[in-house]
Amino acid sequence: MKTKKFLKGLGCISLVIMTGILSIGVVQAKQIELTWVSLVSKDNNLELQQFDRAFIKRVNEKANGELLIKYRGGPETIPAFDQGKAVQKGVVDISIVPYGFYEPLAPGIGGAMLTEVSLEEERKPGGGYDLLNEIHKKGGLFYLGRGTPADEYFALLLNKKVMKPEDFVGLRIGTATVSRATTAAWGATAVSLGMDQYYSAMERGLVDGLSSCPWSLSILNGVYEVTKYAPDHGYYQSTLAVIMNLDKWNSLPEHLKRVMMESIVQSEKECGAYYAGIKAKAIEKMKKAGIEFYKFQPEVEKWFIDTAYDAAWEYQMKRYPDVTPKLRELLSGK
């Protein structure tokens, strides 16, 4: 009897120990950690703080402890132009970064900024999102979606007023790569500038205007203080993309993939609406500062916008002829 009781007690102890070990194993198996970085620090950027609320925190809450996405930092952690490569190699799992910063890894995705369709249209099966993701996958990346959807994201800021196409001829307009082809197509001389050079170039009269400065950035970097005119016709979509390491994505359980995709779709909507508010406040502040906002005549407006898109698509076509025609078909809505 004593032996039986002893063996029974030993069996219970073993069961408790095994249950504990298995419980620990289950807890460990549930906890998946991902890390993310951003092109600038989110600590002093309203758009990235909104992205953090709309996507990162939403995923963390919906995952119920099974998945946790942690912030690694901004460019002080990984330089912005290196973040695409860092995601590809698995140094970090997720980044929110402009398409142009990592386009060599996913050739042709720069055309995403030229979309003229709605977010819903873009994500229809066989639509623009699917093609963009296919291109990303070839580079070892998974395309989650847009970071801050924003129509008419870029502005033309001037110190010489233009009213018709001929007025662009002879102007020197500072621009980043994103609008260089377009600026030349308008008839102006494109002057390559880094965004940190915009203010000084305008202040010193080295350029007559800027063609790749988002409305909100004109407030953040103070460019509005040295600007006189602003044609009230924005162009292009925000270039911010949310990318993830492909192997890491593939390793996630299906239900967590659903959580992330549902969250990024919701984030796109919320971040787009949030940026619209930021843009409206920026324009109001620019007007109060004395900047003259004005509209082109309808035929000039059509020329201005059509030229902006046609020139950019032609630039993409020269570099990436294998994917650009299909991408343009899906994103132009025509």
C-alpha atoms as a PDB file:
ATOM      1  CA  MET A   1       0.000   0.000   0.000  1.00  0.00           C
ATOM      2  CA  LYS A   2       2.742   2.430   0.961  1.00  0.00           C
ATOM      3  CA  THR A   3       4.506   1.712  -2.305  1.00  0.00           C
ATOM      4  CA  LYS A   4       1.329   2.359  -4.289  1.00  0.00           C
ATOM      5  CA  LYS A   5       0.686   5.602  -2.405  1.00  0.00           C
ATOM      6  CA  PHE A   6       4.294   6.642  -2.969  1.00  0.00           C
ATOM      7  CA  LEU A   7       4.120   5.927  -6.694  1.00  0.00           C
ATOM      8  CA  LYS A   8       0.759   7.691  -6.951  1.00  0.00           C
ATOM      9  CA  GLY A   9       2.176  10.739  -5.149  1.00  0.00           C
ATOM     10  CA  LEU A  10       5.255  10.682  -7.337  1.00  0.00           C
ATOM     11  CA  GLY A  11       3.011  10.551 -10.410  1.00  0.00           C
ATOM     12  CA  CYS A  12       1.070  13.598  -9.221  1.00  0.00           C
ATOM     13  CA  ILE A  13       4.278  15.531  -8.588  1.00  0.00           C
ATOM     14  CA  SER A  14       5.564  14.599 -12.038  1.00  0.00           C
ATOM     15  CA  LEU A  15       2.270  15.700 -13.576  1.00  0.00           C
ATOM     16  CA  VAL A  16       2.458  19.055 -11.816  1.00  0.00           C
ATOM     17  CA  ILE A  17       6.058  19.547 -12.937  1.00  0.00           C
ATOM     18  CA  MET A  18       5.280  18.580 -16.526  1.00  0.00           C
ATOM     19  CA  THR A  19       2.195  20.827 -16.543  1.00  0.00           C
ATOM     20  CA  GLY A  20       4.347  23.704 -15.335  1.00  0.00           C
ATOM     21  CA  ILE A  21       6.955  23.064 -17.979  1.00  0.00           C
ATOM     22  CA  LEU A  22       4.323  22.834 -20.696  1.00  0.00           C
ATOM     23  CA  SER A  23       2.663  26.040 -19.442  1.00  0.00           C
ATOM     24  CA  ILE A  24       5.961  27.863 -19.621  1.00  0.00           C
ATOM     25  CA  GLY A  25       6.464  26.496 -23.108  1.00  0.00           C
ATOM     26  CA  VAL A  26       3.015  27.696 -24.161  1.00  0.00           C
ATOM     27  CA  VAL A  27       3.661  31.191 -22.808  1.00  0.00           C
ATOM     28  CA  GLN A  28       6.997  31.351 -24.581  1.00  0.00           C
ATOM     29  CA  ALA A  29       5.483  30.095 -27.835  1.00  0.00           C
ATOM     30  CA  LYS A  30       2.792  32.784 -27.749  1.00  0.00           C
ATOM     31  CA  GLN A  31       5.196  35.682 -27.310  1.00  0.00           C
ATOM     32  CA  ILE A  32       6.462  36.905 -30.697  1.00  0.00           C
ATOM     33  CA  GLU A  33       8.451  40.123 -30.684  1.00  0.00           C
ATOM     34  CA  LEU A  34       8.925  42.374 -33.702  1.00  0.00           C
ATOM     35  CA  THR A  35      10.844  45.630 -33.906  1.00  0.00           C
ATOM     36  CA  TRP A  36      10.233  48.709 -36.048  1.00  0.00           C
ATOM     37  CA  VAL A  37      12.123  51.825 -37.068  1.00  0.00           C
ATOM     38  CA  SER A  38      11.115  55.072 -38.752  1.00  0.00           C
ATOM     39  CA  LEU A  39      12.747  57.505 -41.187  1.00  0.00           C
ATOM     40  CA  VAL A  40      12.653  60.226 -38.512  1.00  0.00           C
ATOM     41  CA  SER A  41      12.127  59.866 -34.792  1.00  0.00           C
ATOM     42  CA  LYS A  42       8.480  59.527 -33.846  1.00  0.00           C
ATOM     43  CA  ASP A  43       9.123  61.504 -30.664  1.00  0.00           C
ATOM     44  CA  ASN A  44       8.865  64.828 -32.495  1.00  0.00           C
ATOM     45  CA  ASN A  45       6.784  63.917 -35.556  1.00  0.00           C
ATOM     46  CA  LEU A  46       2.986  64.085 -35.426  1.00  0.00           C
ATOM     47  CA  GLU A  47       2.464  61.823 -38.458  1.00  0.00           C
ATOM     48  CA  LEU A  48       4.562  59.031 -36.971  1.00  0.00           C
ATOM     49  CA  GLN A  49       2.904  59.392 -33.591  1.00  0.00           C
ATOM     50  CA  GLN A  50      -0.435  58.906 -35.328  1.00  0.00           C
ATOM     51  CA  PHE A  51       0.928  55.857 -37.179  1.00  0.00           C
ATOM     52  CA  ASP A  52       2.089  54.464 -33.836  1.00  0.00           C
ATOM     53  CA  ARG A  53      -1.423  54.861 -32.425  1.00  0.00           C
ATOM     54  CA  ALA A  54      -3.293  53.683 -35.514  1.00  0.00           C
ATOM     55  CA  PHE A  55      -1.184  50.656 -36.417  1.00  0.00           C
ATOM     56  CA  ILE A  56       1.456  49.615 -33.886  1.00  0.00           C
ATOM     57  CA  LYS A  57      -0.647  49.973 -30.758  1.00  0.00           C
ATOM     58  CA  ARG A  58      -3.707  48.523 -32.484  1.00  0.00           C
ATOM     59  CA  VAL A  59      -1.769  45.389 -33.454  1.00  0.00           C
ATOM     60  CA  ASN A  60      -0.321  45.033 -29.964  1.00  0.00           C
ATOM     61  CA  GLU A  61      -3.788  45.289 -28.407  1.00  0.00           C
ATOM     62  CA  LYS A  62      -5.520  42.934 -30.843  1.00  0.00           C
ATOM     63  CA  ALA A  63      -2.739  40.351 -30.568  1.00  0.00           C
ATOM     64  CA  ASN A  64      -3.609  39.815 -26.876  1.00  0.00           C
ATOM     65  CA  GLY A  65      -0.027  39.221 -25.813  1.00  0.00           C
ATOM     66  CA  GLU A  66       0.812  36.793 -28.603  1.00  0.00           C
ATOM     67  CA  LEU A  67       2.630  39.490 -30.585  1.00  0.00           C
ATOM     68  CA  LEU A  68       4.435  42.606 -29.442  1.00  0.00           C
ATOM     69  CA  ILE A  69       5.917  45.242 -31.777  1.00  0.00           C
ATOM     70  CA  LYS A  70       8.603  47.368 -30.129  1.00  0.00           C
ATOM     71  CA  TYR A  71      10.046  50.660 -31.347  1.00  0.00           C
ATOM     72  CA  ARG A  72      13.791  50.626 -32.021  1.00  0.00           C
ATOM     73  CA  GLY A  73      14.113  54.271 -32.990  1.00  0.00           C
ATOM     74  CA  GLY A  74      14.588  56.608 -35.923  1.00  0.00           C
ATOM     75  CA  PRO A  75      17.605  57.379 -38.118  1.00  0.00           C
ATOM     76  CA  GLU A  76      19.848  57.538 -35.064  1.00  0.00           C
ATOM     77  CA  THR A  77      19.295  53.764 -34.787  1.00  0.00           C
ATOM     78  CA  ILE A  78      19.451  52.893 -38.501  1.00  0.00           C
ATOM     79  CA  PRO A  79      20.020  55.655 -41.113  1.00  0.00           C
ATOM     80  CA  ALA A  80      16.841  56.246 -43.126  1.00  0.00           C
ATOM     81  CA  PHE A  81      18.422  55.269 -46.467  1.00  0.00           C
ATOM     82  CA  ASP A  82      19.629  51.996 -44.912  1.00  0.00           C
ATOM     83  CA  GLN A  83      16.332  50.954 -43.361  1.00  0.00           C
ATOM     84  CA  GLY A  84      15.032  49.070 -46.396  1.00  0.00           C
ATOM     85  CA  LYS A  85      18.183  46.955 -46.482  1.00  0.00           C
ATOM     86  CA  ALA A  86      18.001  46.435 -42.724  1.00  0.00           C
ATOM     87  CA  VAL A  87      14.444  45.105 -43.056  1.00  0.00           C
ATOM     88  CA  GLN A  88      15.436  42.885 -45.965  1.00  0.00           C
ATOM     89  CA  LYS A  89      18.291  41.359 -43.943  1.00  0.00           C
ATOM     90  CA  GLY A  90      16.193  40.962 -40.791  1.00  0.00           C
ATOM     91  CA  VAL A  91      18.207  43.408 -38.693  1.00  0.00           C
ATOM     92  CA  VAL A  92      14.849  44.995 -37.923  1.00  0.00           C
ATOM     93  CA  ASP A  93      11.398  43.639 -38.795  1.00  0.00           C
ATOM     94  CA  ILE A  94       9.382  46.672 -39.891  1.00  0.00           C
ATOM     95  CA  SER A  95      10.075  50.174 -41.186  1.00  0.00           C
ATOM     96  CA  ILE A  96       8.013  53.161 -42.254  1.00  0.00           C
ATOM     97  CA  VAL A  97      10.130  54.792 -44.939  1.00  0.00           C
ATOM     98  CA  PRO A  98       9.717  56.502 -48.371  1.00  0.00           C
ATOM     99  CA  TYR A  99       9.550  54.253 -51.442  1.00  0.00           C
ATOM    100  CA  GLY A 100      12.469  56.062 -53.030  1.00  0.00           C
ATOM    101  CA  PHE A 101      14.786  55.210 -50.138  1.00  0.00           C
ATOM    102  CA  TYR A 102      14.706  51.487 -50.931  1.00  0.00           C
ATOM    103  CA  GLU A 103      13.489  51.255 -54.540  1.00  0.00           C
ATOM    104  CA  PRO A 104      16.662  49.431 -55.679  1.00  0.00           C
ATOM    105  CA  LEU A 105      15.458  46.474 -53.574  1.00  0.00           C
ATOM    106  CA  ALA A 106      11.998  46.519 -55.157  1.00  0.00           C
ATOM    107  CA  PRO A 107      12.471  48.117 -58.590  1.00  0.00           C
ATOM    108  CA  GLY A 108       9.486  50.132 -59.768  1.00  0.00           C
ATOM    109  CA  ILE A 109       7.641  50.686 -56.495  1.00  0.00           C
ATOM    110  CA  GLY A 110       8.295  54.436 -56.733  1.00  0.00           C
ATOM    111  CA  GLY A 111       5.271  54.564 -59.015  1.00  0.00           C
ATOM    112  CA  ALA A 112       3.108  54.062 -55.925  1.00  0.00           C
ATOM    113  CA  MET A 113       3.235  57.809 -55.253  1.00  0.00           C
ATOM    114  CA  LEU A 114       1.375  58.387 -58.546  1.00  0.00           C
ATOM    115  CA  THR A 115      -1.802  56.577 -57.548  1.00  0.00           C
ATOM    116  CA  GLU A 116      -5.069  58.275 -58.442  1.00  0.00           C
ATOM    117  CA  VAL A 117      -7.389  55.576 -57.095  1.00  0.00           C
ATOM    118  CA  SER A 118      -8.952  55.185 -53.671  1.00  0.00           C
ATOM    119  CA  LEU A 119      -7.476  53.001 -50.941  1.00  0.00           C
ATOM    120  CA  GLU A 120     -10.369  50.573 -51.391  1.00  0.00           C
ATOM    121  CA  GLU A 121      -9.802  50.354 -55.151  1.00  0.00           C
ATOM    122  CA  GLU A 122      -6.082  49.838 -54.641  1.00  0.00           C
ATOM    123  CA  ARG A 123      -6.668  46.834 -52.367  1.00  0.00           C
ATOM    124  CA  LYS A 124      -9.153  45.029 -54.579  1.00  0.00           C
ATOM    125  CA  PRO A 125      -7.935  41.535 -55.609  1.00  0.00           C
ATOM    126  CA  GLY A 126      -5.561  41.882 -58.535  1.00  0.00           C
ATOM    127  CA  GLY A 127      -5.263  45.624 -57.941  1.00  0.00           C
ATOM    128  CA  GLY A 128      -2.366  47.978 -57.307  1.00  0.00           C
ATOM    129  CA  TYR A 129      -1.635  46.682 -53.822  1.00  0.00           C
ATOM    130  CA  ASP A 130      -1.191  43.107 -55.035  1.00  0.00           C
ATOM    131  CA  LEU A 131       1.255  44.168 -57.739  1.00  0.00           C
ATOM    132  CA  LEU A 132       3.209  46.385 -55.363  1.00  0.00           C
ATOM    133  CA  ASN A 133       3.459  43.512 -52.898  1.00  0.00           C
ATOM    134  CA  GLU A 134       4.581  41.127 -55.641  1.00  0.00           C
ATOM    135  CA  ILE A 135       7.406  43.532 -56.510  1.00  0.00           C
ATOM    136  CA  HIS A 136       8.365  43.872 -52.836  1.00  0.00           C
ATOM    137  CA  LYS A 137       8.484  40.101 -52.354  1.00  0.00           C
ATOM    138  CA  LYS A 138      11.108  39.775 -55.084  1.00  0.00           C
ATOM    139  CA  GLY A 139      13.354  41.863 -52.854  1.00  0.00           C
ATOM    140  CA  GLY A 140      12.697  39.870 -49.687  1.00  0.00           C
ATOM    141  CA  LEU A 141      10.164  42.392 -48.379  1.00  0.00           C
ATOM    142  CA  PHE A 142       6.482  42.276 -47.547  1.00  0.00           C
ATOM    143  CA  TYR A 143       4.478  45.400 -48.365  1.00  0.00           C
ATOM    144  CA  LEU A 144       2.029  46.076 -45.567  1.00  0.00           C
ATOM    145  CA  GLY A 145       0.689  49.305 -47.034  1.00  0.00           C
ATOM    146  CA  ARG A 146       0.831  53.080 -46.980  1.00  0.00           C
ATOM    147  CA  GLY A 147       2.170  54.901 -43.948  1.00  0.00           C
ATOM    148  CA  THR A 148       0.361  58.215 -44.282  1.00  0.00           C
ATOM    149  CA  PRO A 149      -1.990  58.254 -47.265  1.00  0.00           C
ATOM    150  CA  ALA A 150      -2.306  61.884 -48.382  1.00  0.00           C
ATOM    151  CA  ASP A 151      -3.595  63.122 -51.720  1.00  0.00           C
ATOM    152  CA  GLU A 152      -2.023  66.264 -53.207  1.00  0.00           C
ATOM    153  CA  TYR A 153       0.875  65.760 -50.815  1.00  0.00           C
ATOM    154  CA  PHE A 154       3.450  67.972 -52.529  1.00  0.00           C
ATOM    155  CA  ALA A 155       3.219  71.719 -53.065  1.00  0.00           C
ATOM    156  CA  LEU A 156       4.767  74.223 -55.458  1.00  0.00           C
ATOM    157  CA  LEU A 157       6.120  77.113 -53.390  1.00  0.00           C
ATOM    158  CA  LEU A 158       7.350  80.198 -55.238  1.00  0.00           C
ATOM    159  CA  ASN A 159       8.881  83.640 -54.913  1.00  0.00           C
ATOM    160  CA  LYS A 160       7.955  84.518 -58.489  1.00  0.00           C
ATOM    161  CA  LYS A 161       4.330  84.229 -59.497  1.00  0.00           C
ATOM    162  CA  VAL A 162       3.467  81.964 -62.419  1.00  0.00           C
ATOM    163  CA  MET A 163       0.127  81.946 -64.203  1.00  0.00           C
ATOM    164  CA  LYS A 164       0.753  80.022 -67.432  1.00  0.00           C
ATOM    165  CA  PRO A 165       3.182  77.402 -68.796  1.00  0.00           C
ATOM    166  CA  GLU A 166       5.506  80.005 -70.347  1.00  0.00           C
ATOM    167  CA  ASP A 167       6.077  81.581 -66.919  1.00  0.00           C
ATOM    168  CA  PHE A 168       7.983  78.482 -65.784  1.00  0.00           C
ATOM    169  CA  VAL A 169      10.682  78.960 -68.417  1.00  0.00           C
ATOM    170  CA  GLY A 170      13.807  80.449 -66.873  1.00  0.00           C
ATOM    171  CA  LEU A 171      12.810  79.697 -63.277  1.00  0.00           C
ATOM    172  CA  ARG A 172      15.198  77.798 -61.020  1.00  0.00           C
ATOM    173  CA  ILE A 173      13.170  75.455 -58.842  1.00  0.00           C
ATOM    174  CA  GLY A 174      14.716  73.404 -56.062  1.00  0.00           C
ATOM    175  CA  THR A 175      13.634  69.808 -55.894  1.00  0.00           C
ATOM    176  CA  ALA A 176      14.384  66.367 -54.543  1.00  0.00           C
ATOM    177  CA  THR A 177      14.402  63.348 -56.861  1.00  0.00           C
ATOM    178  CA  VAL A 178      10.669  62.866 -56.401  1.00  0.00           C
ATOM    179  CA  SER A 179       9.798  65.920 -58.559  1.00  0.00           C
ATOM    180  CA  ARG A 180      12.912  66.441 -60.692  1.00  0.00           C
ATOM    181  CA  ALA A 181      11.456  65.046 -63.941  1.00  0.00           C
ATOM    182  CA  THR A 182       8.211  66.923 -63.388  1.00  0.00           C
ATOM    183  CA  THR A 183       9.939  70.233 -62.688  1.00  0.00           C
ATOM    184  CA  ALA A 184      11.886  69.973 -65.930  1.00  0.00           C
ATOM    185  CA  ALA A 185       8.714  69.040 -67.831  1.00  0.00           C
ATOM    186  CA  TRP A 186       7.042  72.214 -66.550  1.00  0.00           C
ATOM    187  CA  GLY A 187       9.844  74.107 -68.284  1.00  0.00           C
ATOM    188  CA  ALA A 188      11.869  75.189 -65.253  1.00  0.00           C
ATOM    189  CA  THR A 189      15.471  74.374 -64.392  1.00  0.00           C
ATOM    190  CA  ALA A 190      15.519  71.700 -61.696  1.00  0.00           C
ATOM    191  CA  VAL A 191      18.049  72.359 -58.933  1.00  0.00           C
ATOM    192  CA  SER A 192      18.825  69.332 -56.751  1.00  0.00           C
ATOM    193  CA  LEU A 193      18.449  70.116 -53.052  1.00  0.00           C
ATOM    194  CA  GLY A 194      18.252  68.181 -49.831  1.00  0.00           C
ATOM    195  CA  MET A 195      15.222  69.038 -47.715  1.00  0.00           C
ATOM    196  CA  ASP A 196      17.548  70.573 -45.127  1.00  0.00           C
ATOM    197  CA  GLN A 197      18.652  73.073 -47.788  1.00  0.00           C
ATOM    198  CA  TYR A 198      15.195  74.324 -48.761  1.00  0.00           C
ATOM    199  CA  TYR A 199      15.054  77.267 -46.356  1.00  0.00           C
ATOM    200  CA  SER A 200      18.499  78.695 -47.048  1.00  0.00           C
ATOM    201  CA  ALA A 201      18.129  78.283 -50.819  1.00  0.00           C
ATOM    202  CA  MET A 202      14.851  80.210 -50.818  1.00  0.00           C
ATOM    203  CA  GLU A 203      16.070  82.820 -48.357  1.00  0.00           C
ATOM    204  CA  ARG A 204      19.248  83.552 -50.343  1.00  0.00           C
ATOM    205  CA  GLY A 205      17.475  83.559 -53.702  1.00  0.00           C
ATOM    206  CA  LEU A 206      19.440  80.607 -55.041  1.00  0.00           C
ATOM    207  CA  VAL A 207      16.136  79.219 -56.310  1.00  0.00           C
ATOM    208  CA  ASP A 208      12.843  80.825 -57.296  1.00  0.00           C
ATOM    209  CA  GLY A 209      10.778  78.081 -55.741  1.00  0.00           C
ATOM    210  CA  LEU A 210      10.482  74.529 -54.464  1.00  0.00           C
ATOM    211  CA  SER A 211       8.595  71.650 -56.057  1.00  0.00           C
ATOM    212  CA  SER A 212       8.908  68.771 -53.613  1.00  0.00           C
ATOM    213  CA  CYS A 213       8.041  70.227 -50.243  1.00  0.00           C
ATOM    214  CA  PRO A 214       4.943  68.758 -48.543  1.00  0.00           C
ATOM    215  CA  TRP A 215       2.561  71.384 -47.197  1.00  0.00           C
ATOM    216  CA  SER A 216       3.217  70.300 -43.616  1.00  0.00           C
ATOM    217  CA  LEU A 217       7.006  70.321 -44.048  1.00  0.00           C
ATOM    218  CA  SER A 218       6.906  73.961 -45.113  1.00  0.00           C
ATOM    219  CA  ILE A 219       5.792  74.739 -41.559  1.00  0.00           C
ATOM    220  CA  LEU A 220       8.175  72.364 -39.796  1.00  0.00           C
ATOM    221  CA  ASN A 221      11.285  73.634 -41.592  1.00  0.00           C
ATOM    222  CA  GLY A 222      10.164  77.261 -41.697  1.00  0.00           C
ATOM    223  CA  VAL A 223      10.140  77.516 -45.507  1.00  0.00           C
ATOM    224  CA  TYR A 224       6.786  79.305 -45.387  1.00  0.00           C
ATOM    225  CA  GLU A 225       8.628  82.273 -43.838  1.00  0.00           C
ATOM    226  CA  VAL A 226      10.591  82.813 -47.068  1.00  0.00           C
ATOM    227  CA  THR A 227       7.786  82.029 -49.536  1.00  0.00           C
ATOM    228  CA  LYS A 228       5.529  84.534 -51.320  1.00  0.00           C
ATOM    229  CA  TYR A 229       3.244  82.467 -53.559  1.00  0.00           C
ATOM    230  CA  ALA A 230       1.613  79.041 -53.538  1.00  0.00           C
ATOM    231  CA  PRO A 231      -0.467  77.794 -56.471  1.00  0.00           C
ATOM    232  CA  ASP A 232      -3.298  75.954 -54.721  1.00  0.00           C
ATOM    233  CA  HIS A 233      -2.811  72.720 -56.650  1.00  0.00           C
ATOM    234  CA  GLY A 234      -1.066  69.881 -54.840  1.00  0.00           C
ATOM    235  CA  TYR A 235       0.058  66.707 -56.562  1.00  0.00           C
ATOM    236  CA  TYR A 236       1.114  63.104 -55.897  1.00  0.00           C
ATOM    237  CA  GLN A 237       0.472  60.792 -52.973  1.00  0.00           C
ATOM    238  CA  SER A 238       2.628  60.602 -49.841  1.00  0.00           C
ATOM    239  CA  THR A 239       5.652  58.373 -50.444  1.00  0.00           C
ATOM    240  CA  LEU A 240       5.685  56.740 -46.990  1.00  0.00           C
ATOM    241  CA  ALA A 241       5.444  52.945 -47.089  1.00  0.00           C
ATOM    242  CA  VAL A 242       5.236  50.319 -44.339  1.00  0.00           C
ATOM    243  CA  ILE A 243       7.458  47.356 -45.143  1.00  0.00           C
ATOM    244  CA  MET A 244       8.286  44.127 -43.315  1.00  0.00           C
ATOM    245  CA  ASN A 245      10.858  41.369 -43.618  1.00  0.00           C
ATOM    246  CA  LEU A 246       9.302  38.709 -45.868  1.00  0.00           C
ATOM    247  CA  ASP A 247      10.617  35.680 -43.946  1.00  0.00           C
ATOM    248  CA  LYS A 248       9.358  37.137 -40.684  1.00  0.00           C
ATOM    249  CA  TRP A 249       5.948  37.748 -42.230  1.00  0.00           C
ATOM    250  CA  ASN A 250       5.777  34.214 -43.579  1.00  0.00           C
ATOM    251  CA  SER A 251       6.645  32.812 -40.156  1.00  0.00           C
ATOM    252  CA  LEU A 252       3.645  34.419 -38.443  1.00  0.00           C
ATOM    253  CA  PRO A 253       0.542  32.363 -37.649  1.00  0.00           C
ATOM    254  CA  GLU A 254      -2.347  33.098 -40.009  1.00  0.00           C
ATOM    255  CA  HIS A 255      -4.516  34.725 -37.342  1.00  0.00           C
ATOM    256  CA  LEU A 256      -1.745  37.212 -36.494  1.00  0.00           C
ATOM    257  CA  LYS A 257      -1.275  38.014 -40.177  1.00  0.00           C
ATOM    258  CA  ARG A 258      -4.988  38.848 -40.270  1.00  0.00           C
ATOM    259  CA  VAL A 259      -4.597  41.101 -37.253  1.00  0.00           C
ATOM    260  CA  MET A 260      -1.782  42.994 -38.947  1.00  0.00           C
ATOM    261  CA  MET A 261      -3.561  43.349 -42.288  1.00  0.00           C
ATOM    262  CA  GLU A 262      -6.829  44.466 -40.716  1.00  0.00           C
ATOM    263  CA  SER A 263      -4.874  46.964 -38.632  1.00  0.00           C
ATOM    264  CA  ILE A 264      -2.917  48.461 -41.534  1.00  0.00           C
ATOM    265  CA  VAL A 265      -6.117  48.909 -43.574  1.00  0.00           C
ATOM    266  CA  GLN A 266      -7.688  50.784 -40.672  1.00  0.00           C
ATOM    267  CA  SER A 267      -4.461  52.691 -40.088  1.00  0.00           C
ATOM    268  CA  GLU A 268      -4.384  53.886 -43.697  1.00  0.00           C
ATOM    269  CA  LYS A 269      -7.832  55.420 -43.309  1.00  0.00           C
ATOM    270  CA  GLU A 270      -7.136  57.025 -39.942  1.00  0.00           C
ATOM    271  CA  CYS A 271      -3.687  58.342 -40.854  1.00  0.00           C
ATOM    272  CA  GLY A 272      -5.036  59.784 -44.099  1.00  0.00           C
ATOM    273  CA  ALA A 273      -7.764  61.660 -42.250  1.00  0.00           C
ATOM    274  CA  TYR A 274      -5.279  62.818 -39.615  1.00  0.00           C
ATOM    275  CA  TYR A 275      -2.873  64.195 -42.208  1.00  0.00           C
ATOM    276  CA  ALA A 276      -5.699  66.046 -43.948  1.00  0.00           C
ATOM    277  CA  GLY A 277      -6.144  67.976 -40.699  1.00  0.00           C
ATOM    278  CA  ILE A 278      -2.424  68.719 -40.450  1.00  0.00           C
ATOM    279  CA  LYS A 279      -2.383  69.922 -44.054  1.00  0.00           C
ATOM    280  CA  ALA A 280      -5.383  72.216 -43.528  1.00  0.00           C
ATOM    281  CA  LYS A 281      -3.729  73.802 -40.492  1.00  0.00           C
ATOM    282  CA  ALA A 282      -0.464  74.243 -42.403  1.00  0.00           C
ATOM    283  CA  ILE A 283      -2.193  76.014 -45.283  1.00  0.00           C
ATOM    284  CA  GLU A 284      -4.099  78.256 -42.875  1.00  0.00           C
ATOM    285  CA  LYS A 285      -0.857  79.228 -41.146  1.00  0.00           C
ATOM    286  CA  MET A 286       0.797  79.954 -44.488  1.00  0.00           C
ATOM    287  CA  LYS A 287      -2.086  82.213 -45.476  1.00  0.00           C
ATOM    288  CA  LYS A 288      -1.900  84.088 -42.177  1.00  0.00           C
ATOM    289  CA  ALA A 289       1.837  84.573 -42.799  1.00  0.00           C
ATOM    290  CA  GLY A 290       0.962  86.483 -45.966  1.00  0.00           C
ATOM    291  CA  ILE A 291       1.560  83.833 -48.626  1.00  0.00           C
ATOM    292  CA  GLU A 292      -0.710  84.374 -51.625  1.00  0.00           C
ATOM    293  CA  PHE A 293      -2.645  81.231 -52.530  1.00  0.00           C
ATOM    294  CA  TYR A 294      -4.211  81.262 -55.957  1.00  0.00           C
ATOM    295  CA  LYS A 295      -5.755  78.986 -58.592  1.00  0.00           C
ATOM    296  CA  PHE A 296      -4.626  78.484 -62.169  1.00  0.00           C
ATOM    297  CA  GLN A 297      -7.123  78.833 -64.976  1.00  0.00           C
ATOM    298  CA  PRO A 298      -8.777  75.409 -65.612  1.00  0.00           C
ATOM    299  CA  GLU A 299      -6.764  74.692 -68.771  1.00  0.00           C
ATOM    300  CA  VAL A 300      -3.514  75.636 -67.031  1.00  0.00           C
ATOM    301  CA  GLU A 301      -4.425  73.523 -64.007  1.00  0.00           C
ATOM    302  CA  LYS A 302      -5.034  70.530 -66.290  1.00  0.00           C
ATOM    303  CA  TRP A 303      -1.680  71.057 -67.999  1.00  0.00           C
ATOM    304  CA  PHE A 304       0.078  71.466 -64.643  1.00  0.00           C
ATOM    305  CA  ILE A 305      -1.351  68.260 -63.105  1.00  0.00           C
ATOM    306  CA  ASP A 306      -1.226  66.131 -66.266  1.00  0.00           C
ATOM    307  CA  THR A 307       2.396  67.123 -66.827  1.00  0.00           C
ATOM    308  CA  ALA A 308       3.271  66.263 -63.243  1.00  0.00           C
ATOM    309  CA  TYR A 309       1.938  62.725 -63.585  1.00  0.00           C
ATOM    310  CA  ASP A 310       2.969  62.056 -67.193  1.00  0.00           C
ATOM    311  CA  ALA A 311       6.556  63.170 -66.589  1.00  0.00           C
ATOM    312  CA  ALA A 312       6.890  61.057 -63.451  1.00  0.00           C
ATOM    313  CA  TRP A 313       5.448  57.972 -65.160  1.00  0.00           C
ATOM    314  CA  GLU A 314       7.795  58.474 -68.106  1.00  0.00           C
ATOM    315  CA  TYR A 315      10.714  58.689 -65.682  1.00  0.00           C
ATOM    316  CA  GLN A 316       9.604  55.425 -64.065  1.00  0.00           C
ATOM    317  CA  MET A 317       9.145  53.821 -67.489  1.00  0.00           C
ATOM    318  CA  LYS A 318      12.724  54.597 -68.493  1.00  0.00           C
ATOM    319  CA  ARG A 319      14.073  52.930 -65.389  1.00  0.00           C
ATOM    320  CA  TYR A 320      11.621  50.075 -64.854  1.00  0.00           C
ATOM    321  CA  PRO A 321       9.923  49.247 -68.186  1.00  0.00           C
ATOM    322  CA  ASP A 322       8.951  45.722 -67.089  1.00  0.00           C
ATOM    323  CA  VAL A 323       6.560  46.713 -64.279  1.00  0.00           C
ATOM    324  CA  THR A 324       5.641  50.360 -64.889  1.00  0.00           C
ATOM    325  CA  PRO A 325       2.967  49.920 -67.617  1.00  0.00           C
ATOM    326  CA  LYS A 326       0.895  47.508 -65.509  1.00  0.00           C
ATOM    327  CA  LEU A 327       1.369  49.569 -62.373  1.00  0.00           C
ATOM    328  CA  ARG A 328       0.247  52.702 -64.190  1.00  0.00           C
ATOM    329  CA  GLU A 329      -2.816  50.890 -65.505  1.00  0.00           C
ATOM    330  CA  LEU A 330      -3.807  49.795 -62.010  1.00  0.00           C
ATOM    331  CA  LEU A 331      -3.053  53.057 -60.211  1.00  0.00           C
ATOM    332  CA  SER A 332      -4.123  55.693 -62.719  1.00  0.00           C
ATOM    333  CA  GLY A 333      -7.780  54.667 -62.648  1.00  0.00           C
ATOM    334  CA  LYS A 334      -8.042  55.381 -66.372  1.00  0.00           C
END
